[in-house]
Amino acid sequence: MTRALAVLVLCAGIASADTIDKDVRQLGGGNYKMRLNAALALAKSKDPRAVIALADALMDDHDPTIRRISALALEKLVDERTA
């Protein structure tokens, strides 16, 4: 039973990594709706890899809503681990 649980946890971790990577790519390009969804997903992820993507969006995205969401997400995500 422990082996099955370990496999399940490993698969969940891989799926989570794939989701973060996908969201990072979508935040960097694509249409407004894709970027908005990616920013919201990264904000909820609490994954340190989201910090760089959100910071880039804060500095470079032409849409003020995306920049605002990125700023609010960074406010919650940045701490001693990610700074």
PDB file of N, CA and C in Angstrom:
ATOM      1  N   MET A   1       0.810  -1.194   0.000  1.00  0.00           N
ATOM      2  CA  MET A   1       0.000   0.000   0.000  1.00  0.00           C
ATOM      3  C   MET A   1       0.857   1.263   0.000  1.00  0.00           C
ATOM      4  N   THR A   2       1.973   1.260   0.691  1.00  0.00           N
ATOM      5  CA  THR A   2       2.837   2.437   0.729  1.00  0.00           C
ATOM      6  C   THR A   2       3.447   2.711  -0.634  1.00  0.00           C
ATOM      7  N   ARG A   3       3.745   1.685  -1.374  1.00  0.00           N
ATOM      8  CA  ARG A   3       4.329   1.867  -2.699  1.00  0.00           C
ATOM      9  C   ARG A   3       3.324   2.565  -3.622  1.00  0.00           C
ATOM     10  N   ALA A   4       2.071   2.146  -3.559  1.00  0.00           N
ATOM     11  CA  ALA A   4       1.040   2.772  -4.384  1.00  0.00           C
ATOM     12  C   ALA A   4       0.860   4.235  -3.999  1.00  0.00           C
ATOM     13  N   LEU A   5       0.928   4.520  -2.717  1.00  0.00           N
ATOM     14  CA  LEU A   5       0.800   5.897  -2.251  1.00  0.00           C
ATOM     15  C   LEU A   5       1.975   6.741  -2.736  1.00  0.00           C
ATOM     16  N   ALA A   6       3.165   6.176  -2.704  1.00  0.00           N
ATOM     17  CA  ALA A   6       4.349   6.899  -3.168  1.00  0.00           C
ATOM     18  C   ALA A   6       4.239   7.215  -4.658  1.00  0.00           C
ATOM     19  N   VAL A   7       3.755   6.279  -5.434  1.00  0.00           N
ATOM     20  CA  VAL A   7       3.579   6.506  -6.871  1.00  0.00           C
ATOM     21  C   VAL A   7       2.548   7.599  -7.107  1.00  0.00           C
ATOM     22  N   LEU A   8       1.467   7.561  -6.350  1.00  0.00           N
ATOM     23  CA  LEU A   8       0.421   8.575  -6.482  1.00  0.00           C
ATOM     24  C   LEU A   8       0.955   9.964  -6.145  1.00  0.00           C
ATOM     25  N   VAL A   9       1.717  10.076  -5.071  1.00  0.00           N
ATOM     26  CA  VAL A   9       2.299  11.359  -4.675  1.00  0.00           C
ATOM     27  C   VAL A   9       3.280  11.847  -5.732  1.00  0.00           C
ATOM     28  N   LEU A  10       4.082  10.960  -6.279  1.00  0.00           N
ATOM     29  CA  LEU A  10       5.042  11.325  -7.318  1.00  0.00           C
ATOM     30  C   LEU A  10       4.318  11.826  -8.559  1.00  0.00           C
ATOM     31  N   CYS A  11       3.275  11.132  -8.954  1.00  0.00           N
ATOM     32  CA  CYS A  11       2.507  11.552 -10.133  1.00  0.00           C
ATOM     33  C   CYS A  11       1.839  12.903  -9.902  1.00  0.00           C
ATOM     34  N   ALA A  12       1.336  13.126  -8.732  1.00  0.00           N
ATOM     35  CA  ALA A  12       0.713  14.413  -8.415  1.00  0.00           C
ATOM     36  C   ALA A  12       1.747  15.531  -8.486  1.00  0.00           C
ATOM     37  N   GLY A  13       2.956  15.280  -8.014  1.00  0.00           N
ATOM     38  CA  GLY A  13       4.019  16.274  -8.076  1.00  0.00           C
ATOM     39  C   GLY A  13       4.403  16.599  -9.500  1.00  0.00           C
ATOM     40  N   ILE A  14       4.454  15.591 -10.348  1.00  0.00           N
ATOM     41  CA  ILE A  14       4.784  15.807 -11.758  1.00  0.00           C
ATOM     42  C   ILE A  14       3.678  16.602 -12.430  1.00  0.00           C
ATOM     43  N   ALA A  15       2.432  16.249 -12.157  1.00  0.00           N
ATOM     44  CA  ALA A  15       1.313  16.981 -12.748  1.00  0.00           C
ATOM     45  C   ALA A  15       1.320  18.430 -12.298  1.00  0.00           C
ATOM     46  N   SER A  16       1.649  18.667 -11.040  1.00  0.00           N
ATOM     47  CA  SER A  16       1.711  20.027 -10.523  1.00  0.00           C
ATOM     48  C   SER A  16       2.823  20.813 -11.215  1.00  0.00           C
ATOM     49  N   ALA A  17       3.969  20.182 -11.409  1.00  0.00           N
ATOM     50  CA  ALA A  17       5.085  20.847 -12.086  1.00  0.00           C
ATOM     51  C   ALA A  17       4.703  21.188 -13.514  1.00  0.00           C
ATOM     52  N   ASP A  18       4.019  20.269 -14.200  1.00  0.00           N
ATOM     53  CA  ASP A  18       3.590  20.534 -15.564  1.00  0.00           C
ATOM     54  C   ASP A  18       2.621  21.711 -15.610  1.00  0.00           C
ATOM     55  N   THR A  19       1.732  21.794 -14.636  1.00  0.00           N
ATOM     56  CA  THR A  19       0.763  22.881 -14.585  1.00  0.00           C
ATOM     57  C   THR A  19       1.454  24.220 -14.362  1.00  0.00           C
ATOM     58  N   ILE A  20       2.401  24.257 -13.457  1.00  0.00           N
ATOM     59  CA  ILE A  20       3.146  25.502 -13.202  1.00  0.00           C
ATOM     60  C   ILE A  20       3.890  25.929 -14.457  1.00  0.00           C
ATOM     61  N   ASP A  21       4.570  24.993 -15.101  1.00  0.00           N
ATOM     62  CA  ASP A  21       5.308  25.321 -16.322  1.00  0.00           C
ATOM     63  C   ASP A  21       4.381  25.854 -17.407  1.00  0.00           C
ATOM     64  N   LYS A  22       3.218  25.234 -17.557  1.00  0.00           N
ATOM     65  CA  LYS A  22       2.247  25.672 -18.555  1.00  0.00           C
ATOM     66  C   LYS A  22       1.774  27.088 -18.237  1.00  0.00           C
ATOM     67  N   ASP A  23       1.478  27.350 -16.978  1.00  0.00           N
ATOM     68  CA  ASP A  23       1.011  28.677 -16.585  1.00  0.00           C
ATOM     69  C   ASP A  23       2.081  29.736 -16.790  1.00  0.00           C
ATOM     70  N   VAL A  24       3.323  29.396 -16.504  1.00  0.00           N
ATOM     71  CA  VAL A  24       4.432  30.336 -16.722  1.00  0.00           C
ATOM     72  C   VAL A  24       4.529  30.681 -18.206  1.00  0.00           C
ATOM     73  N   ARG A  25       4.441  29.678 -19.075  1.00  0.00           N
ATOM     74  CA  ARG A  25       4.505  29.929 -20.522  1.00  0.00           C
ATOM     75  C   ARG A  25       3.332  30.783 -20.988  1.00  0.00           C
ATOM     76  N   GLN A  26       2.134  30.485 -20.494  1.00  0.00           N
ATOM     77  CA  GLN A  26       0.952  31.227 -20.926  1.00  0.00           C
ATOM     78  C   GLN A  26       0.968  32.665 -20.424  1.00  0.00           C
ATOM     79  N   LEU A  27       1.523  32.894 -19.262  1.00  0.00           N
ATOM     80  CA  LEU A  27       1.598  34.261 -18.749  1.00  0.00           C
ATOM     81  C   LEU A  27       2.536  35.107 -19.599  1.00  0.00           C
ATOM     82  N   GLY A  28       3.540  34.474 -20.170  1.00  0.00           N
ATOM     83  CA  GLY A  28       4.506  35.200 -20.988  1.00  0.00           C
ATOM     84  C   GLY A  28       4.017  35.533 -22.383  1.00  0.00           C
ATOM     85  N   GLY A  29       2.934  34.950 -22.807  1.00  0.00           N
ATOM     86  CA  GLY A  29       2.423  35.202 -24.149  1.00  0.00           C
ATOM     87  C   GLY A  29       1.013  34.679 -24.286  1.00  0.00           C
ATOM     88  N   GLY A  30       0.421  34.975 -25.389  1.00  0.00           N
ATOM     89  CA  GLY A  30      -0.945  34.521 -25.597  1.00  0.00           C
ATOM     90  C   GLY A  30      -1.928  35.659 -25.478  1.00  0.00           C
ATOM     91  N   ASN A  31      -3.188  35.313 -25.600  1.00  0.00           N
ATOM     92  CA  ASN A  31      -4.210  36.353 -25.541  1.00  0.00           C
ATOM     93  C   ASN A  31      -4.502  36.749 -24.091  1.00  0.00           C
ATOM     94  N   TYR A  32      -5.323  37.763 -23.936  1.00  0.00           N
ATOM     95  CA  TYR A  32      -5.614  38.316 -22.610  1.00  0.00           C
ATOM     96  C   TYR A  32      -6.176  37.264 -21.665  1.00  0.00           C
ATOM     97  N   LYS A  33      -7.145  36.483 -22.148  1.00  0.00           N
ATOM     98  CA  LYS A  33      -7.804  35.509 -21.283  1.00  0.00           C
ATOM     99  C   LYS A  33      -6.820  34.440 -20.807  1.00  0.00           C
ATOM    100  N   MET A  34      -5.934  33.986 -21.681  1.00  0.00           N
ATOM    101  CA  MET A  34      -4.929  32.995 -21.285  1.00  0.00           C
ATOM    102  C   MET A  34      -3.979  33.571 -20.242  1.00  0.00           C
ATOM    103  N   ARG A  35      -3.530  34.809 -20.453  1.00  0.00           N
ATOM    104  CA  ARG A  35      -2.612  35.450 -19.506  1.00  0.00           C
ATOM    105  C   ARG A  35      -3.294  35.678 -18.166  1.00  0.00           C
ATOM    106  N   LEU A  36      -4.567  36.093 -18.194  1.00  0.00           N
ATOM    107  CA  LEU A  36      -5.313  36.316 -16.967  1.00  0.00           C
ATOM    108  C   LEU A  36      -5.467  35.011 -16.177  1.00  0.00           C
ATOM    109  N   ASN A  37      -5.874  33.955 -16.849  1.00  0.00           N
ATOM    110  CA  ASN A  37      -6.020  32.651 -16.179  1.00  0.00           C
ATOM    111  C   ASN A  37      -4.692  32.164 -15.617  1.00  0.00           C
ATOM    112  N   ALA A  38      -3.617  32.360 -16.378  1.00  0.00           N
ATOM    113  CA  ALA A  38      -2.295  31.926 -15.917  1.00  0.00           C
ATOM    114  C   ALA A  38      -1.864  32.725 -14.686  1.00  0.00           C
ATOM    115  N   ALA A  39      -2.086  34.024 -14.701  1.00  0.00           N
ATOM    116  CA  ALA A  39      -1.721  34.865 -13.549  1.00  0.00           C
ATOM    117  C   ALA A  39      -2.498  34.451 -12.306  1.00  0.00           C
ATOM    118  N   LEU A  40      -3.784  34.192 -12.467  1.00  0.00           N
ATOM    119  CA  LEU A  40      -4.597  33.774 -11.325  1.00  0.00           C
ATOM    120  C   LEU A  40      -4.160  32.408 -10.796  1.00  0.00           C
ATOM    121  N   ALA A  41      -3.856  31.490 -11.709  1.00  0.00           N
ATOM    122  CA  ALA A  41      -3.415  30.157 -11.288  1.00  0.00           C
ATOM    123  C   ALA A  41      -2.069  30.228 -10.572  1.00  0.00           C
ATOM    124  N   LEU A  42      -1.144  31.020 -11.094  1.00  0.00           N
ATOM    125  CA  LEU A  42       0.161  31.153 -10.444  1.00  0.00           C
ATOM    126  C   LEU A  42       0.027  31.835  -9.083  1.00  0.00           C
ATOM    127  N   ALA A  43      -0.893  32.755  -8.974  1.00  0.00           N
ATOM    128  CA  ALA A  43      -1.115  33.430  -7.697  1.00  0.00           C
ATOM    129  C   ALA A  43      -1.593  32.448  -6.637  1.00  0.00           C
ATOM    130  N   LYS A  44      -2.383  31.488  -7.036  1.00  0.00           N
ATOM    131  CA  LYS A  44      -2.903  30.486  -6.103  1.00  0.00           C
ATOM    132  C   LYS A  44      -1.916  29.368  -5.822  1.00  0.00           C
ATOM    133  N   SER A  45      -0.908  29.227  -6.669  1.00  0.00           N
ATOM    134  CA  SER A  45      -0.029  28.054  -6.600  1.00  0.00           C
ATOM    135  C   SER A  45       0.897  28.039  -5.389  1.00  0.00           C
ATOM    136  N   LYS A  46       1.321  29.197  -4.930  1.00  0.00           N
ATOM    137  CA  LYS A  46       2.301  29.303  -3.846  1.00  0.00           C
ATOM    138  C   LYS A  46       3.607  28.593  -4.188  1.00  0.00           C
ATOM    139  N   ASP A  47       3.879  28.475  -5.470  1.00  0.00           N
ATOM    140  CA  ASP A  47       5.102  27.834  -5.941  1.00  0.00           C
ATOM    141  C   ASP A  47       6.158  28.918  -6.180  1.00  0.00           C
ATOM    142  N   PRO A  48       7.361  28.736  -5.641  1.00  0.00           N
ATOM    143  CA  PRO A  48       8.400  29.761  -5.820  1.00  0.00           C
ATOM    144  C   PRO A  48       8.731  30.063  -7.282  1.00  0.00           C
ATOM    145  N   ARG A  49       8.503  29.094  -8.180  1.00  0.00           N
ATOM    146  CA  ARG A  49       8.789  29.332  -9.598  1.00  0.00           C
ATOM    147  C   ARG A  49       7.858  30.378 -10.198  1.00  0.00           C
ATOM    148  N   ALA A  50       6.739  30.617  -9.557  1.00  0.00           N
ATOM    149  CA  ALA A  50       5.780  31.596 -10.065  1.00  0.00           C
ATOM    150  C   ALA A  50       6.275  33.027  -9.872  1.00  0.00           C
ATOM    151  N   VAL A  51       7.167  33.230  -8.942  1.00  0.00           N
ATOM    152  CA  VAL A  51       7.617  34.588  -8.594  1.00  0.00           C
ATOM    153  C   VAL A  51       8.251  35.286  -9.790  1.00  0.00           C
ATOM    154  N   ILE A  52       9.144  34.632 -10.484  1.00  0.00           N
ATOM    155  CA  ILE A  52       9.834  35.263 -11.618  1.00  0.00           C
ATOM    156  C   ILE A  52       8.849  35.587 -12.733  1.00  0.00           C
ATOM    157  N   ALA A  53       7.956  34.652 -13.040  1.00  0.00           N
ATOM    158  CA  ALA A  53       6.979  34.878 -14.101  1.00  0.00           C
ATOM    159  C   ALA A  53       6.052  36.036 -13.752  1.00  0.00           C
ATOM    160  N   LEU A  54       5.598  36.088 -12.514  1.00  0.00           N
ATOM    161  CA  LEU A  54       4.718  37.176 -12.094  1.00  0.00           C
ATOM    162  C   LEU A  54       5.455  38.518 -12.072  1.00  0.00           C
ATOM    163  N   ALA A  55       6.718  38.505 -11.669  1.00  0.00           N
ATOM    164  CA  ALA A  55       7.509  39.738 -11.677  1.00  0.00           C
ATOM    165  C   ALA A  55       7.712  40.236 -13.107  1.00  0.00           C
ATOM    166  N   ASP A  56       7.960  39.314 -14.027  1.00  0.00           N
ATOM    167  CA  ASP A  56       8.094  39.700 -15.435  1.00  0.00           C
ATOM    168  C   ASP A  56       6.794  40.302 -15.959  1.00  0.00           C
ATOM    169  N   ALA A  57       5.665  39.682 -15.602  1.00  0.00           N
ATOM    170  CA  ALA A  57       4.377  40.204 -16.051  1.00  0.00           C
ATOM    171  C   ALA A  57       4.113  41.584 -15.450  1.00  0.00           C
ATOM    172  N   LEU A  58       4.510  41.768 -14.201  1.00  0.00           N
ATOM    173  CA  LEU A  58       4.334  43.065 -13.549  1.00  0.00           C
ATOM    174  C   LEU A  58       5.105  44.154 -14.292  1.00  0.00           C
ATOM    175  N   MET A  59       6.280  43.827 -14.757  1.00  0.00           N
ATOM    176  CA  MET A  59       7.125  44.812 -15.431  1.00  0.00           C
ATOM    177  C   MET A  59       6.782  44.985 -16.916  1.00  0.00           C
ATOM    178  N   ASP A  60       6.357  43.898 -17.586  1.00  0.00           N
ATOM    179  CA  ASP A  60       6.296  43.923 -19.048  1.00  0.00           C
ATOM    180  C   ASP A  60       4.907  43.832 -19.669  1.00  0.00           C
ATOM    181  N   ASP A  61       3.912  43.329 -18.948  1.00  0.00           N
ATOM    182  CA  ASP A  61       2.612  43.136 -19.590  1.00  0.00           C
ATOM    183  C   ASP A  61       1.969  44.487 -19.875  1.00  0.00           C
ATOM    184  N   HIS A  62       1.356  44.599 -21.038  1.00  0.00           N
ATOM    185  CA  HIS A  62       0.751  45.873 -21.431  1.00  0.00           C
ATOM    186  C   HIS A  62      -0.625  46.093 -20.805  1.00  0.00           C
ATOM    187  N   ASP A  63      -1.221  45.041 -20.236  1.00  0.00           N
ATOM    188  CA  ASP A  63      -2.560  45.175 -19.664  1.00  0.00           C
ATOM    189  C   ASP A  63      -2.482  45.489 -18.170  1.00  0.00           C
ATOM    190  N   PRO A  64      -3.149  46.556 -17.732  1.00  0.00           N
ATOM    191  CA  PRO A  64      -3.080  46.927 -16.311  1.00  0.00           C
ATOM    192  C   PRO A  64      -3.695  45.893 -15.369  1.00  0.00           C
ATOM    193  N   THR A  65      -4.675  45.137 -15.842  1.00  0.00           N
ATOM    194  CA  THR A  65      -5.283  44.109 -14.985  1.00  0.00           C
ATOM    195  C   THR A  65      -4.300  42.990 -14.698  1.00  0.00           C
ATOM    196  N   ILE A  66      -3.569  42.563 -15.711  1.00  0.00           N
ATOM    197  CA  ILE A  66      -2.558  41.509 -15.529  1.00  0.00           C
ATOM    198  C   ILE A  66      -1.479  42.002 -14.583  1.00  0.00           C
ATOM    199  N   ARG A  67      -1.042  43.251 -14.762  1.00  0.00           N
ATOM    200  CA  ARG A  67      -0.022  43.813 -13.870  1.00  0.00           C
ATOM    201  C   ARG A  67      -0.527  43.896 -12.435  1.00  0.00           C
ATOM    202  N   ARG A  68      -1.780  44.291 -12.257  1.00  0.00           N
ATOM    203  CA  ARG A  68      -2.361  44.402 -10.914  1.00  0.00           C
ATOM    204  C   ARG A  68      -2.446  43.035 -10.235  1.00  0.00           C
ATOM    205  N   ILE A  69      -2.917  42.032 -10.953  1.00  0.00           N
ATOM    206  CA  ILE A  69      -2.998  40.676 -10.393  1.00  0.00           C
ATOM    207  C   ILE A  69      -1.610  40.164 -10.043  1.00  0.00           C
ATOM    208  N   SER A  70      -0.651  40.440 -10.910  1.00  0.00           N
ATOM    209  CA  SER A  70       0.728  40.013 -10.644  1.00  0.00           C
ATOM    210  C   SER A  70       1.274  40.677  -9.389  1.00  0.00           C
ATOM    211  N   ALA A  71       1.013  41.962  -9.228  1.00  0.00           N
ATOM    212  CA  ALA A  71       1.489  42.678  -8.039  1.00  0.00           C
ATOM    213  C   ALA A  71       0.861  42.117  -6.770  1.00  0.00           C
ATOM    214  N   LEU A  72      -0.436  41.884  -6.801  1.00  0.00           N
ATOM    215  CA  LEU A  72      -1.116  41.333  -5.624  1.00  0.00           C
ATOM    216  C   LEU A  72      -0.625  39.927  -5.307  1.00  0.00           C
ATOM    217  N   ALA A  73      -0.389  39.135  -6.345  1.00  0.00           N
ATOM    218  CA  ALA A  73       0.114  37.774  -6.137  1.00  0.00           C
ATOM    219  C   ALA A  73       1.517  37.797  -5.540  1.00  0.00           C
ATOM    220  N   LEU A  74       2.358  38.679  -6.058  1.00  0.00           N
ATOM    221  CA  LEU A  74       3.723  38.774  -5.528  1.00  0.00           C
ATOM    222  C   LEU A  74       3.723  39.201  -4.069  1.00  0.00           C
ATOM    223  N   GLU A  75       2.809  40.065  -3.716  1.00  0.00           N
ATOM    224  CA  GLU A  75       2.708  40.505  -2.330  1.00  0.00           C
ATOM    225  C   GLU A  75       2.478  39.308  -1.393  1.00  0.00           C
ATOM    226  N   LYS A  76       1.693  38.346  -1.868  1.00  0.00           N
ATOM    227  CA  LYS A  76       1.405  37.167  -1.053  1.00  0.00           C
ATOM    228  C   LYS A  76       2.486  36.091  -1.152  1.00  0.00           C
ATOM    229  N   LEU A  77       3.139  35.993  -2.326  1.00  0.00           N
ATOM    230  CA  LEU A  77       4.093  34.911  -2.565  1.00  0.00           C
ATOM    231  C   LEU A  77       5.489  35.189  -2.018  1.00  0.00           C
ATOM    232  N   VAL A  78       5.928  36.439  -2.073  1.00  0.00           N
ATOM    233  CA  VAL A  78       7.303  36.747  -1.705  1.00  0.00           C
ATOM    234  C   VAL A  78       7.463  36.696  -0.182  1.00  0.00           C
ATOM    235  N   ASP A  79       8.391  35.862   0.248  1.00  0.00           N
ATOM    236  CA  ASP A  79       8.751  35.767   1.649  1.00  0.00           C
ATOM    237  C   ASP A  79      10.228  35.385   1.730  1.00  0.00           C
ATOM    238  N   GLU A  80      10.655  34.921   2.858  1.00  0.00           N
ATOM    239  CA  GLU A  80      12.070  34.600   3.044  1.00  0.00           C
ATOM    240  C   GLU A  80      12.535  33.504   2.079  1.00  0.00           C
ATOM    241  N   ARG A  81      11.643  32.563   1.726  1.00  0.00           N
ATOM    242  CA  ARG A  81      12.029  31.455   0.845  1.00  0.00           C
ATOM    243  C   ARG A  81      12.224  31.907  -0.587  1.00  0.00           C
ATOM    244  N   THR A  82      11.419  32.869  -1.040  1.00  0.00           N
ATOM    245  CA  THR A  82      11.415  33.212  -2.439  1.00  0.00           C
ATOM    246  C   THR A  82      12.156  34.506  -2.766  1.00  0.00           C
ATOM    247  N   ALA A  83      12.460  35.322  -1.782  1.00  0.00           N
ATOM    248  CA  ALA A  83      13.124  36.611  -2.043  1.00  0.00           C
ATOM    249  C   ALA A  83      14.590  36.424  -2.317  1.00  0.00           C
TER     250      ALA A  83
END
